[in-house]
Structures are given as C-alpha cells and as structure tokens.
C-alpha atoms as a PDB file:
ATOM      1  CA  MET A   1      -0.298  -0.052  -0.028  1.00  0.00           C
ATOM      2  CA  THR A   2       1.671   3.545  -1.255  1.00  0.00           C
ATOM      3  CA  ARG A   3       1.352   6.416   1.500  1.00  0.00           C
ATOM      4  CA  LEU A   4       1.302   9.529   0.867  1.00  0.00           C
ATOM      5  CA  SER A   5       3.476  11.758   3.189  1.00  0.00           C
ATOM      6  CA  THR A   6       2.015  14.336   5.169  1.00  0.00           C
ATOM      7  CA  ALA A   7       3.446  17.054   3.194  1.00  0.00           C
ATOM      8  CA  THR A   8       2.658  15.601   0.246  1.00  0.00           C
ATOM      9  CA  TRP A   9      -1.075  14.655   0.909  1.00  0.00           C
ATOM     10  CA  GLY A  10      -1.159  18.187   2.079  1.00  0.00           C
ATOM     11  CA  PHE A  11       0.082  19.650  -1.717  1.00  0.00           C
ATOM     12  CA  SER A  12      -2.222  16.928  -3.042  1.00  0.00           C
ATOM     13  CA  ALA A  13      -4.842  17.646  -1.508  1.00  0.00           C
ATOM     14  CA  THR A  14      -4.567  21.495  -1.533  1.00  0.00           C
ATOM     15  CA  VAL A  15      -3.930  21.163  -5.584  1.00  0.00           C
ATOM     16  CA  ALA A  16      -6.794  18.767  -6.334  1.00  0.00           C
ATOM     17  CA  GLY A  17      -9.611  20.426  -8.559  1.00  0.00           C
ATOM     18  CA  VAL A  18      -7.629  23.712  -8.759  1.00  0.00           C
ATOM     19  CA  LEU A  19      -8.830  25.774 -11.675  1.00  0.00           C
ATOM     20  CA  LEU A  20      -7.862  28.824 -12.539  1.00  0.00           C
ATOM     21  CA  VAL A  21      -9.141  31.494 -15.623  1.00  0.00           C
ATOM     22  CA  GLY A  22      -7.202  33.462 -17.487  1.00  0.00           C
ATOM     23  CA  CYS A  23      -3.648  32.337 -17.519  1.00  0.00           C
ATOM     24  CA  SER A  24      -1.728  33.676 -20.153  1.00  0.00           C
ATOM     25  CA  ALA A  25       1.554  33.750 -21.964  1.00  0.00           C
ATOM     26  CA  SER A  26       3.225  35.050 -25.196  1.00  0.00           C
ATOM     27  CA  VAL A  27       3.137  32.279 -28.216  1.00  0.00           C
ATOM     28  CA  ASP A  28       6.002  32.031 -30.750  1.00  0.00           C
ATOM     29  CA  VAL A  29       4.505  33.771 -33.928  1.00  0.00           C
ATOM     30  CA  GLY A  30       7.820  32.440 -36.005  1.00  0.00           C
ATOM     31  CA  SER A  31       6.108  28.991 -36.652  1.00  0.00           C
ATOM     32  CA  SER A  32       3.113  28.500 -39.642  1.00  0.00           C
ATOM     33  CA  THR A  33       0.853  27.465 -36.222  1.00  0.00           C
ATOM     34  CA  PRO A  34       1.326  30.114 -33.011  1.00  0.00           C
ATOM     35  CA  LYS A  35       2.359  28.475 -30.153  1.00  0.00           C
ATOM     36  CA  MET A  36       3.402  28.048 -26.552  1.00  0.00           C
ATOM     37  CA  SER A  37       6.468  25.835 -25.909  1.00  0.00           C
ATOM     38  CA  SER A  38       5.881  22.795 -23.734  1.00  0.00           C
ATOM     39  CA  ASP A  39       8.798  23.904 -21.193  1.00  0.00           C
ATOM     40  CA  LYS A  40       7.014  27.534 -21.087  1.00  0.00           C
ATOM     41  CA  LEU A  41       4.014  25.895 -19.797  1.00  0.00           C
ATOM     42  CA  ALA A  42       5.140  23.962 -17.493  1.00  0.00           C
ATOM     43  CA  THR A  43       7.104  26.544 -15.614  1.00  0.00           C
ATOM     44  CA  LEU A  44       3.988  28.768 -16.264  1.00  0.00           C
ATOM     45  CA  LEU A  45       1.410  26.001 -14.419  1.00  0.00           C
ATOM     46  CA  SER A  46       4.377  25.205 -11.910  1.00  0.00           C
ATOM     47  CA  GLU A  47       4.428  29.287 -10.446  1.00  0.00           C
ATOM     48  CA  LYS A  48       0.694  29.393 -10.663  1.00  0.00           C
ATOM     49  CA  LEU A  49      -0.179  25.878  -8.733  1.00  0.00           C
ATOM     50  CA  ALA A  50       2.856  27.680  -6.511  1.00  0.00           C
ATOM     51  CA  ALA A  51       1.257  30.732  -5.643  1.00  0.00           C
ATOM     52  CA  GLN A  52      -2.312  29.531  -5.568  1.00  0.00           C
ATOM     53  CA  THR A  53      -1.638  26.679  -3.201  1.00  0.00           C
ATOM     54  CA  GLY A  54       1.221  28.607  -1.159  1.00  0.00           C
ATOM     55  CA  GLN A  55       3.539  25.479  -1.512  1.00  0.00           C
ATOM     56  CA  PRO A  56       6.918  25.619  -3.329  1.00  0.00           C
ATOM     57  CA  LYS A  57       6.863  25.312  -6.839  1.00  0.00           C
ATOM     58  CA  PRO A  58       5.787  21.631  -8.149  1.00  0.00           C
ATOM     59  CA  ASP A  59       7.270  19.577 -10.818  1.00  0.00           C
ATOM     60  CA  VAL A  60       5.496  19.778 -13.857  1.00  0.00           C
ATOM     61  CA  THR A  61       6.025  18.606 -17.244  1.00  0.00           C
ATOM     62  CA  CYS A  62       4.190  19.110 -20.308  1.00  0.00           C
ATOM     63  CA  PRO A  63       4.517  16.699 -23.468  1.00  0.00           C
ATOM     64  CA  ASP A  64       3.821  19.077 -26.250  1.00  0.00           C
ATOM     65  CA  ASP A  65       3.361  22.833 -27.360  1.00  0.00           C
ATOM     66  CA  LEU A  66      -0.105  24.184 -26.594  1.00  0.00           C
ATOM     67  CA  ALA A  67      -1.128  25.324 -30.034  1.00  0.00           C
ATOM     68  CA  ALA A  68      -2.425  28.823 -30.433  1.00  0.00           C
ATOM     69  CA  LYS A  69      -6.627  28.018 -31.130  1.00  0.00           C
ATOM     70  CA  VAL A  70      -9.501  28.249 -29.066  1.00  0.00           C
ATOM     71  CA  GLY A  71     -10.831  24.772 -28.047  1.00  0.00           C
ATOM     72  CA  THR A  72      -6.995  23.337 -28.061  1.00  0.00           C
ATOM     73  CA  THR A  73      -6.061  21.159 -25.032  1.00  0.00           C
ATOM     74  CA  THR A  74      -2.998  19.127 -23.603  1.00  0.00           C
ATOM     75  CA  ARG A  75      -2.196  17.160 -20.564  1.00  0.00           C
ATOM     76  CA  CYS A  76       0.507  17.880 -18.319  1.00  0.00           C
ATOM     77  CA  THR A  77       1.877  15.888 -15.132  1.00  0.00           C
ATOM     78  CA  LEU A  78       2.217  16.908 -11.819  1.00  0.00           C
ATOM     79  CA  THR A  79       4.885  15.108  -9.824  1.00  0.00           C
ATOM     80  CA  ALA A  80       5.125  15.247  -5.818  1.00  0.00           C
ATOM     81  CA  GLY A  81       7.718  14.873  -3.621  1.00  0.00           C
ATOM     82  CA  ASP A  82       6.883  10.875  -3.163  1.00  0.00           C
ATOM     83  CA  ASN A  83       6.975  10.320  -7.298  1.00  0.00           C
ATOM     84  CA  SER A  84       2.793  10.194  -7.229  1.00  0.00           C
ATOM     85  CA  THR A  85       1.625  12.309  -9.671  1.00  0.00           C
ATOM     86  CA  LEU A  86      -1.508  13.846 -10.798  1.00  0.00           C
ATOM     87  CA  GLY A  87      -2.984  15.004 -14.457  1.00  0.00           C
ATOM     88  CA  VAL A  88      -3.019  18.542 -15.384  1.00  0.00           C
ATOM     89  CA  THR A  89      -5.074  19.387 -18.337  1.00  0.00           C
ATOM     90  CA  VAL A  90      -5.065  22.803 -20.101  1.00  0.00           C
ATOM     91  CA  LYS A  91      -7.525  24.206 -22.495  1.00  0.00           C
ATOM     92  CA  VAL A  92      -7.103  27.630 -24.216  1.00  0.00           C
ATOM     93  CA  THR A  93      -9.899  29.751 -23.741  1.00  0.00           C
ATOM     94  CA  SER A  94      -8.843  32.592 -26.548  1.00  0.00           C
ATOM     95  CA  VAL A  95      -6.226  34.267 -28.110  1.00  0.00           C
ATOM     96  CA  ASP A  96      -5.450  37.680 -28.225  1.00  0.00           C
ATOM     97  CA  GLY A  97      -2.409  38.772 -30.466  1.00  0.00           C
ATOM     98  CA  ASP A  98       0.689  36.943 -28.677  1.00  0.00           C
ATOM     99  CA  GLN A  99      -1.502  35.812 -25.872  1.00  0.00           C
ATOM    100  CA  ILE A 100      -2.851  32.490 -25.261  1.00  0.00           C
ATOM    101  CA  ASN A 101      -5.308  32.612 -22.120  1.00  0.00           C
ATOM    102  CA  PHE A 102      -6.109  29.369 -20.992  1.00  0.00           C
ATOM    103  CA  ASP A 103      -7.557  27.406 -17.808  1.00  0.00           C
ATOM    104  CA  PHE A 104      -5.929  24.410 -16.089  1.00  0.00           C
ATOM    105  CA  GLN A 105      -7.794  22.005 -13.824  1.00  0.00           C
ATOM    106  CA  VAL A 106      -5.601  19.521 -11.928  1.00  0.00           C
ATOM    107  CA  ASP A 107      -7.031  15.872 -11.366  1.00  0.00           C
ATOM    108  CA  GLU A 108      -8.671  14.892  -7.965  1.00  0.00           C
ATOM    109  CA  THR A 109      -6.584  11.860  -7.624  1.00  0.00           C
ATOM    110  CA  ALA A 110      -3.130  11.187  -7.527  1.00  0.00           C
ATOM    111  CA  SER A 111      -1.657   8.127  -9.180  1.00  0.00           C
ATOM    112  CA  PRO A 112       0.658   6.325  -6.975  1.00  0.00           C
ATOM    113  CA  ALA A 113       4.422   6.191  -7.292  1.00  0.00           C
ATOM    114  CA  PRO A 114       5.804   3.637  -9.282  1.00  0.00           C
ATOM    115  CA  LYS A 115       7.254   0.657  -7.382  1.00  0.00           C
END
C-alpha cells in the first residue's frame, strides 16, 4: 500500500481540483501555427500552482506545445515529492494577439508512485 507523506498529501489535497481562469503567456509567432512551448507551459503552470497553494513550485512536465487555437487541450503531469503524479488538463479559452489565455484543472486523484 502506498502512502503519501503528510506534506505531499497536504499538497495533493490542496492542488486537487484547482481551476484557474485567465492564465496567459506569449506565443511563438515564428511558426505557421502560433504556440507556447511545452517548457514554457510547464513553468507557467508550476508558478501558478505554487502561488495558488502557497507551496513550493511543483515539478510539472508537458509533453506537447500548446497551439494558439481556442478549444485546444493538452495534458501535463505534476509529480509530487514521493513521485506520485496528478494530471493537469489545459484548455485554450482565447487568443489575443501574442497572448494565449487558458484554463487548467488538476485531477482530483493522484496516481501512486511507481514501484
């Protein structure tokens, strides 16, 4: 049975279900389809989650760039200190010039750390 540490559990419980509206960042307009790099998206999510929860910045990874097209979604992964993970769903809500505005939501249930 995998148990989350008290600190990790507190973080997971705080993060679960977080929904932020109106997050934005500049896009790369040098390509045919403007987009936000996966690294920039992961950094922005980590900063927003830390600010929202009052916890240190979590480790967030995003496998794909985020296209600047309303309705586009991507999934990122938040990894806690005990290596358990939470999914993070990101959805583009609007694009305004060089800004991508999006909502994101953290899954309610963590996946246990791999053995």
